[in-house]
């Protein structure tokens, strides 16, 4: 059977991988990167500047998952980026080998077990659960039934003190025009059972710093999912004299980081009462605002923090009457980029640029409180570089060229 490679963005280097060799025996191009637990053999490979995850699986499943991941990508949902499928693999002696699904490695993203081995404390579990729940709600709003909700099927990126979750394994998923309550509840129940087992695994492996209450955490999944789904989709009825409640509902959703693209407003026959229901909601309110101002794409919590610093900069220099985009460009060139440029090249794989800037702002607050006086951003950054950053583990594979370029820390324009 001839080897067949289908890729949405062909990389000639992919053809050089040892496809006639079982994945478990690969050594060439393979790099040591944290990866989650998987029922399949998975290898992380570097080809030039590109890093890929390669997973062996049954050919029909490989094609199905590739298609689902492409659909999620087109819909702007947080999932790993599919690169291609390799089918028709055979050993040199003619023995058939499983097909392979190739996805792009997500920079600065880690499995949940690696988070804890990198110093995340057990009291951060609610933040991790929140990220998982937000991901699940977003998928359900888009009509995606996951089928295998778990921490193991997610990668986590730091997000200004919180986390953002990205779907990794979509082979059990299914896209529908709309999900029934039964299917949504089934996903939540599967998630509760899987997370419970994964927390027991964390404790057995000694990866948490103190006791965790597994039942409290799984209850949290159900509570957070129900409250977020209710806020995003519930109908609300009020008197026609309370139309301000429409704006209030939209503001509440914005505060959660969601934009309302469509709102269903219905009045009764005499117009005395109004009923509203969000019909299309999308996470990324602050992210889109920050991207529109600066051209940089960051996580939503990071964007919220950066927008706050931009607002403080605007107020301090009395620039409120000027064009926001021009002020944002000044802030980028005078504050954000010079601060990140202070990071030594050998330390640039510790955290992503926006997360580094967030941590420096956090450090400034604690430093100023400790000294009883406002500390400059430059002095704060230097103190952070000297005393905090060296203790942080590496969270990205840094290329040979990236360490020589301060811009490698900055998120790139779309």
Protein backbone atom coordinates (compact mmCIF):
# COMPACT_ATOMS: atom_id res chain seq x y z
CA UNK A 1 0.00 0.00 0.00
CA UNK A 2 1.48 3.40 -0.96
CA UNK A 3 2.13 5.88 1.81
CA UNK A 4 -0.44 8.69 1.83
CA UNK A 5 0.12 12.00 3.62
CA UNK A 6 -2.64 14.61 3.68
CA UNK A 7 -1.86 17.96 5.34
CA UNK A 8 -3.68 21.29 5.38
CA UNK A 9 -0.38 23.22 5.36
CA UNK A 10 2.21 20.90 3.80
CA UNK A 11 5.61 20.81 5.49
CA UNK A 12 8.15 18.98 3.29
CA UNK A 13 10.07 17.96 6.42
CA UNK A 14 7.15 15.72 7.45
CA UNK A 15 8.05 13.38 4.56
CA UNK A 16 11.48 12.78 6.13
CA UNK A 17 10.07 11.21 9.30
CA UNK A 18 10.64 7.43 9.66
CA UNK A 19 7.12 6.35 8.75
CA UNK A 20 8.09 2.66 8.14
CA UNK A 21 9.12 2.41 11.82
CA UNK A 22 6.58 1.88 14.65
CA UNK A 23 6.10 5.13 16.55
CA UNK A 24 7.22 3.57 19.83
CA UNK A 25 10.68 2.99 18.29
CA UNK A 26 11.20 6.54 16.99
CA UNK A 27 14.31 8.35 18.20
CA UNK A 28 15.23 10.71 15.35
CA UNK A 29 13.66 14.19 15.66
CA UNK A 30 11.93 13.14 18.92
CA UNK A 31 12.19 15.70 21.72
CA UNK A 32 11.37 15.43 25.39
CA UNK A 33 8.28 17.51 26.08
CA UNK A 34 5.54 16.98 28.66
CA UNK A 35 2.54 15.15 27.24
CA UNK A 36 -0.62 13.91 28.85
CA UNK A 37 -1.73 10.36 29.50
CA UNK A 38 -3.00 8.71 26.32
CA UNK A 39 -4.36 5.35 25.23
CA UNK A 40 -2.27 5.77 22.07
CA UNK A 41 1.46 5.98 21.38
CA UNK A 42 2.37 9.68 21.02
CA UNK A 43 5.69 11.29 20.14
CA UNK A 44 6.66 14.97 20.01
CA UNK A 45 8.99 15.78 17.11
CA UNK A 46 10.84 18.90 16.05
CA UNK A 47 11.31 19.57 12.33
CA UNK A 48 13.31 22.77 11.94
CA UNK A 49 11.39 25.48 13.79
CA UNK A 50 8.13 23.49 13.83
CA UNK A 51 7.11 21.14 16.65
CA UNK A 52 4.45 18.47 16.09
CA UNK A 53 2.64 15.81 18.11
CA UNK A 54 2.30 12.51 16.24
CA UNK A 55 -0.28 9.96 17.44
CA UNK A 56 -0.76 6.41 16.19
CA UNK A 57 -4.37 5.34 15.83
CA UNK A 58 -6.79 3.43 13.59
CA UNK A 59 -7.09 5.07 10.16
CA UNK A 60 -10.84 5.85 10.24
CA UNK A 61 -10.44 7.43 13.67
CA UNK A 62 -7.46 9.47 12.46
CA UNK A 63 -9.46 10.90 9.55
CA UNK A 64 -12.49 11.56 11.74
CA UNK A 65 -10.50 13.35 14.44
CA UNK A 66 -8.60 15.35 11.83
CA UNK A 67 -11.91 16.54 10.37
CA UNK A 68 -13.36 17.42 13.77
CA UNK A 69 -10.26 19.39 14.79
CA UNK A 70 -10.42 21.30 11.50
CA UNK A 71 -14.07 22.11 12.17
CA UNK A 72 -13.23 23.35 15.68
CA UNK A 73 -10.40 25.45 14.24
CA UNK A 74 -12.74 27.07 11.70
CA UNK A 75 -15.18 27.84 14.52
CA UNK A 76 -12.46 29.54 16.55
CA UNK A 77 -12.74 27.09 19.45
CA UNK A 78 -9.73 26.32 21.69
CA UNK A 79 -8.23 23.05 20.43
CA UNK A 80 -4.91 21.87 19.10
CA UNK A 81 -4.33 22.69 15.43
CA UNK A 82 -4.52 19.66 13.10
CA UNK A 83 -1.72 19.34 10.58
CA UNK A 84 -2.42 16.11 8.72
CA UNK A 85 -2.96 12.37 8.54
CA UNK A 86 -0.48 9.70 7.43
CA UNK A 87 -2.04 6.46 6.14
CA UNK A 88 -0.77 3.39 4.30
CA UNK A 89 2.21 2.92 6.63
CA UNK A 90 4.14 -0.34 6.34
CA UNK A 91 7.35 -1.69 7.79
CA UNK A 92 10.21 -2.45 5.42
CA UNK A 93 9.11 -6.09 5.53
CA UNK A 94 5.58 -5.13 4.44
CA UNK A 95 3.80 -5.40 7.81
CA UNK A 96 0.97 -2.84 8.16
CA UNK A 97 1.35 -0.05 10.73
CA UNK A 98 -1.32 2.19 12.29
CA UNK A 99 -2.18 5.53 10.73
CA UNK A 100 -0.92 8.70 12.37
CA UNK A 101 -2.62 11.97 13.23
CA UNK A 102 -0.29 14.99 13.24
CA UNK A 103 -1.12 18.13 15.23
CA UNK A 104 0.84 21.30 15.91
CA UNK A 105 2.42 21.46 19.34
CA UNK A 106 0.77 24.21 21.41
CA UNK A 107 3.54 26.43 22.81
CA UNK A 108 3.54 27.10 26.57
CA UNK A 109 0.76 24.53 27.07
CA UNK A 110 1.07 21.71 29.59
CA UNK A 111 -0.84 18.61 30.71
CA UNK A 112 -2.37 18.84 34.17
CA UNK A 113 0.21 16.48 35.71
CA UNK A 114 3.03 18.69 34.46
CA UNK A 115 1.37 21.75 35.98
CA UNK A 116 1.64 20.18 39.41
CA UNK A 117 5.19 18.96 38.86
CA UNK A 118 6.03 22.58 37.89
CA UNK A 119 4.95 23.93 41.24
CA UNK A 120 1.20 24.53 40.87
CA UNK A 121 -0.34 24.01 44.31
CA UNK A 122 -3.42 21.97 45.14
CA UNK A 123 -5.26 25.16 46.07
CA UNK A 124 -5.05 26.13 42.38
CA UNK A 125 -7.31 23.22 41.45
CA UNK A 126 -10.45 25.41 41.33
CA UNK A 127 -8.73 27.58 38.69
CA UNK A 128 -7.90 24.49 36.64
CA UNK A 129 -11.47 23.20 37.01
CA UNK A 130 -12.80 26.62 35.96
CA UNK A 131 -10.72 26.44 32.77
CA UNK A 132 -12.04 22.95 32.02
CA UNK A 133 -15.64 24.06 32.64
CA UNK A 134 -15.31 27.16 30.43
CA UNK A 135 -13.91 24.96 27.65
CA UNK A 136 -16.78 22.49 28.03
CA UNK A 137 -19.42 25.24 28.00
CA UNK A 138 -17.89 26.82 24.90
CA UNK A 139 -17.89 23.46 23.10
CA UNK A 140 -21.50 22.81 24.10
CA UNK A 141 -22.62 26.25 22.93
CA UNK A 142 -21.09 25.40 19.55
CA UNK A 143 -22.92 22.04 19.42
CA UNK A 144 -19.86 19.87 20.13
CA UNK A 145 -20.44 16.73 22.19
CA UNK A 146 -17.08 15.73 23.66
CA UNK A 147 -17.81 12.24 24.96
CA UNK A 148 -14.60 11.92 26.98
CA UNK A 149 -14.27 15.00 29.19
CA UNK A 150 -11.16 14.75 31.35
CA UNK A 151 -8.11 16.67 32.49
CA UNK A 152 -5.98 14.22 30.48
CA UNK A 153 -7.59 15.33 27.21
CA UNK A 154 -6.77 18.99 27.80
CA UNK A 155 -3.69 21.19 27.67
CA UNK A 156 -3.51 24.21 29.95
CA UNK A 157 -1.87 27.59 29.30
CA UNK A 158 -1.29 30.18 32.00
CA UNK A 159 -3.72 33.08 31.75
CA UNK A 160 -2.85 35.99 34.08
CA UNK A 161 -3.04 34.00 37.28
CA UNK A 162 -5.71 31.65 35.92
CA UNK A 163 -5.59 29.03 33.16
CA UNK A 164 -6.96 28.60 29.65
CA UNK A 165 -7.86 25.07 28.51
CA UNK A 166 -7.42 23.62 25.02
CA UNK A 167 -8.97 20.38 23.77
CA UNK A 168 -6.37 17.82 22.68
CA UNK A 169 -8.28 14.60 22.01
CA UNK A 170 -11.43 14.86 19.87
CA UNK A 171 -11.75 11.27 18.66
CA UNK A 172 -14.94 10.64 20.67
CA UNK A 173 -16.45 14.00 19.75
CA UNK A 174 -19.42 14.84 17.57
CA UNK A 175 -20.67 18.12 16.10
CA UNK A 176 -24.43 18.70 16.05
CA UNK A 177 -26.59 21.73 15.23
CA UNK A 178 -27.59 21.85 18.91
CA UNK A 179 -26.98 19.67 21.97
CA UNK A 180 -29.82 18.29 24.07
CA UNK A 181 -29.74 18.71 27.84
CA UNK A 182 -29.25 14.95 28.09
CA UNK A 183 -26.07 15.00 26.01
CA UNK A 184 -24.72 18.01 27.91
CA UNK A 185 -25.44 16.35 31.24
CA UNK A 186 -23.78 13.16 30.03
CA UNK A 187 -20.60 15.09 29.20
CA UNK A 188 -20.63 16.69 32.65
CA UNK A 189 -21.12 13.31 34.34
CA UNK A 190 -18.29 11.72 32.35
CA UNK A 191 -16.10 14.67 33.29
CA UNK A 192 -16.96 14.29 36.98
CA UNK A 193 -16.05 10.59 36.95
CA UNK A 194 -12.81 11.08 35.01
CA UNK A 195 -11.62 14.04 37.07
CA UNK A 196 -12.34 12.14 40.29
CA UNK A 197 -10.09 9.31 39.10
CA UNK A 198 -7.42 11.74 37.93
CA UNK A 199 -7.33 13.48 41.30
CA UNK A 200 -6.84 10.12 43.02
CA UNK A 201 -3.98 9.51 40.58
CA UNK A 202 -2.40 12.85 41.51
CA UNK A 203 -2.54 11.95 45.19
CA UNK A 204 -1.15 8.46 44.60
CA UNK A 205 1.73 9.92 42.62
CA UNK A 206 2.54 12.47 45.33
CA UNK A 207 2.09 15.36 42.89
CA UNK A 208 -0.04 17.53 45.18
CA UNK A 209 1.42 19.43 48.12
CA UNK A 210 -1.42 18.71 50.56
CA UNK A 211 -4.70 16.84 50.88
CA UNK A 212 -7.42 17.56 48.34
CA UNK A 213 -11.10 16.83 48.73
CA UNK A 214 -12.03 14.96 45.57
CA UNK A 215 -15.76 15.17 46.23
CA UNK A 216 -15.55 18.93 46.73
CA UNK A 217 -13.77 19.32 43.39
CA UNK A 218 -16.21 17.18 41.41
CA UNK A 219 -19.13 19.03 43.02
CA UNK A 220 -17.42 22.21 41.85
CA UNK A 221 -17.47 20.97 38.25
CA UNK A 222 -21.23 20.51 38.35
CA UNK A 223 -21.87 23.79 40.15
CA UNK A 224 -19.63 25.91 37.92
CA UNK A 225 -21.00 24.34 34.74
CA UNK A 226 -24.62 24.86 35.79
CA UNK A 227 -24.09 28.48 36.88
CA UNK A 228 -22.12 29.45 33.75
CA UNK A 229 -24.58 27.75 31.40
CA UNK A 230 -27.47 29.48 33.18
CA UNK A 231 -25.83 32.90 32.92
CA UNK A 232 -25.04 32.45 29.23
CA UNK A 233 -28.34 30.98 28.05
CA UNK A 234 -31.16 31.61 30.56
CA UNK A 235 -34.24 33.66 29.69
CA UNK A 236 -34.85 36.76 31.80
CA UNK A 237 -38.19 38.57 32.15
CA UNK A 238 -38.81 42.07 33.50
CA UNK A 239 -41.12 45.09 33.22
CA UNK A 240 -40.84 47.34 30.19
CA UNK A 241 -39.75 50.16 32.50
CA UNK A 242 -36.61 48.17 33.37
CA UNK A 243 -34.98 48.12 29.94
CA UNK A 244 -31.69 48.97 31.63
CA UNK A 245 -31.57 45.30 32.60
CA UNK A 246 -30.80 44.42 28.97
CA UNK A 247 -27.55 46.39 29.17
CA UNK A 248 -26.90 44.97 32.64
CA UNK A 249 -27.17 41.39 31.33
CA UNK A 250 -24.77 42.15 28.49
CA UNK A 251 -22.32 43.77 30.92
CA UNK A 252 -22.43 40.71 33.20
CA UNK A 253 -21.55 38.51 30.24
CA UNK A 254 -18.75 40.89 29.23
CA UNK A 255 -17.38 40.70 32.77
CA UNK A 256 -17.23 36.92 32.36
CA UNK A 257 -15.25 37.50 29.16
CA UNK A 258 -18.09 36.71 26.75
CA UNK A 259 -19.49 38.83 23.93
CA UNK A 260 -23.17 38.66 22.98
CA UNK A 261 -23.49 38.55 19.21
CA UNK A 262 -27.25 38.08 19.18
CA UNK A 263 -29.94 38.79 21.77
CA UNK A 264 -33.51 37.51 21.45
CA UNK A 265 -35.88 40.20 22.81
CA UNK A 266 -39.62 39.46 23.05
CA UNK A 267 -42.38 41.72 24.43
CA UNK A 268 -45.85 40.62 25.46
CA UNK A 269 -48.97 41.76 23.57
CA UNK A 270 -49.30 45.09 25.39
CA UNK A 271 -45.56 45.74 25.79
CA UNK A 272 -45.69 45.72 29.59
CA UNK A 273 -43.09 42.96 30.01
CA UNK A 274 -39.92 42.10 28.13
CA UNK A 275 -38.19 38.74 27.85
CA UNK A 276 -34.57 38.45 26.76
CA UNK A 277 -32.33 35.49 26.04
CA UNK A 278 -28.76 35.47 24.69
CA UNK A 279 -28.72 33.41 21.50
CA UNK A 280 -25.09 33.66 20.37
CA UNK A 281 -22.33 34.16 22.93
CA UNK A 282 -18.59 33.92 22.37
CA UNK A 283 -15.67 34.00 24.79
CA UNK A 284 -12.91 36.51 24.09
CA UNK A 285 -14.41 39.94 24.82
CA UNK A 286 -11.22 41.42 26.27
CA UNK A 287 -8.98 39.43 23.93
CA UNK A 288 -10.66 40.91 20.86
CA UNK A 289 -10.58 44.43 22.30
CA UNK A 290 -6.85 44.17 23.01
CA UNK A 291 -6.16 42.63 19.60
CA UNK A 292 -8.07 45.45 17.87
CA UNK A 293 -5.95 48.02 19.71
CA UNK A 294 -2.52 46.39 19.42
CA UNK A 295 -2.70 43.59 16.85
CA UNK A 296 -1.49 41.13 19.51
CA UNK A 297 -3.36 37.92 20.30
CA UNK A 298 -3.29 36.89 23.97
CA UNK A 299 -5.50 34.91 26.35
CA UNK A 300 -8.61 36.69 27.65
CA UNK A 301 -7.54 37.16 31.28
CA UNK A 302 -4.16 38.38 30.09
CA UNK A 303 -5.90 40.85 27.81
CA UNK A 304 -8.00 42.12 30.71
CA UNK A 305 -4.86 42.72 32.78
CA UNK A 306 -3.00 44.40 29.92
CA UNK A 307 -6.02 46.61 29.17
CA UNK A 308 -6.04 47.69 32.82
CA UNK A 309 -2.38 48.67 32.62
CA UNK A 310 -3.04 50.49 29.35
CA UNK A 311 -5.89 52.38 31.08
CA UNK A 312 -3.57 53.33 33.97
CA UNK A 313 -0.96 54.54 31.46
CA UNK A 314 -3.62 56.58 29.64
CA UNK A 315 -4.82 58.21 32.86
CA UNK A 316 -1.31 58.90 34.21
CA UNK A 317 -0.23 60.78 31.08
CA UNK A 318 -3.63 62.45 30.54
CA UNK A 319 -4.17 60.79 27.15
CA UNK A 320 -7.88 60.10 27.56
CA UNK A 321 -8.80 62.46 24.73
CA UNK A 322 -6.46 60.85 22.19
CA UNK A 323 -7.14 58.00 19.78
CA UNK A 324 -7.03 54.73 21.78
CA UNK A 325 -5.12 52.87 19.11
CA UNK A 326 -2.38 55.51 19.02
CA UNK A 327 -2.16 55.46 22.82
CA UNK A 328 -1.99 51.65 22.76
CA UNK A 329 0.91 51.77 20.30
CA UNK A 330 2.74 54.22 22.57
CA UNK A 331 2.14 51.92 25.54
CA UNK A 332 3.48 48.97 23.54
CA UNK A 333 6.67 50.76 22.52
CA UNK A 334 7.29 52.61 25.80
CA UNK A 335 6.10 50.10 28.43
CA UNK A 336 5.30 46.58 27.29
CA UNK A 337 8.07 45.81 24.82
CA UNK A 338 10.93 47.45 26.80
CA UNK A 339 9.90 45.52 29.91
CA UNK A 340 9.95 42.17 28.12
CA UNK A 341 13.22 43.06 26.38
CA UNK A 342 14.85 43.09 29.83
CA UNK A 343 14.37 39.31 30.15
CA UNK A 344 17.75 37.55 29.64
CA UNK A 345 17.84 35.27 26.57
CA UNK A 346 18.44 32.15 28.65
CA UNK A 347 15.27 32.84 30.68
CA UNK A 348 12.87 33.37 27.76
CA UNK A 349 11.47 29.85 27.79
CA UNK A 350 10.06 30.22 31.31
CA UNK A 351 6.75 31.93 30.49
CA UNK A 352 4.97 33.48 27.52
CA UNK A 353 5.43 37.24 27.12
CA UNK A 354 1.93 38.34 28.27
CA UNK A 355 2.15 36.06 31.31
CA UNK A 356 5.60 37.43 32.18
CA UNK A 357 4.26 40.99 32.02
CA UNK A 358 1.31 40.01 34.23
CA UNK A 359 3.65 38.46 36.80
CA UNK A 360 5.85 41.56 36.79
CA UNK A 361 2.78 43.72 37.47
CA UNK A 362 1.79 41.38 40.31
CA UNK A 363 5.34 41.54 41.68
CA UNK A 364 5.21 45.33 41.52
CA UNK A 365 2.14 45.39 43.77
CA UNK A 366 3.76 43.16 46.39
CA UNK A 367 7.10 44.97 46.16
CA UNK A 368 5.48 48.40 46.57
CA UNK A 369 3.44 47.18 49.54
CA UNK A 370 6.54 45.71 51.18
CA UNK A 371 8.58 48.90 50.70
CA UNK A 372 5.71 51.24 51.51
CA UNK A 373 6.28 53.23 48.33
CA UNK A 374 5.54 52.93 44.60
CA UNK A 375 8.26 50.98 42.81
CA UNK A 376 8.97 51.77 39.16
CA UNK A 377 8.16 49.16 36.54
CA UNK A 378 11.82 48.97 35.47
CA UNK A 379 13.04 48.36 39.05
CA UNK A 380 10.26 45.82 39.56
CA UNK A 381 11.17 43.95 36.40
CA UNK A 382 14.82 43.79 37.44
CA UNK A 383 13.91 42.52 40.91
CA UNK A 384 11.59 39.91 39.35
CA UNK A 385 14.34 38.81 36.95
CA UNK A 386 16.87 38.56 39.80
CA UNK A 387 14.76 36.81 42.44
CA UNK A 388 11.63 35.20 40.95
CA UNK A 389 12.21 34.18 37.34
CA UNK A 390 15.24 31.93 38.04
CA UNK A 391 13.02 29.72 40.22
CA UNK A 392 10.49 29.13 37.44
CA UNK A 393 10.73 25.93 35.31
CA UNK A 394 11.01 25.97 31.55
CA UNK A 395 7.56 25.79 29.90
CA UNK A 396 8.47 25.95 26.23
CA UNK A 397 11.04 24.56 23.84
CA UNK A 398 13.00 27.64 22.75
CA UNK A 399 14.54 27.51 19.30
CA UNK A 400 18.13 28.50 18.66
CA UNK A 401 17.01 31.66 16.90
CA UNK A 402 14.37 32.60 19.44
CA UNK A 403 16.81 33.01 22.30
CA UNK A 404 18.63 35.69 20.32
CA UNK A 405 15.49 37.70 19.65
CA UNK A 406 13.60 39.65 22.32
CA UNK A 407 10.52 39.61 20.09
CA UNK A 408 10.24 35.86 20.64
CA UNK A 409 8.55 36.75 23.92
CA UNK A 410 5.84 38.83 22.31
CA UNK A 411 2.58 37.42 20.94
CA UNK A 412 2.48 37.81 17.20
CA UNK A 413 -0.17 39.72 15.23
CA UNK A 414 -2.70 37.54 13.45
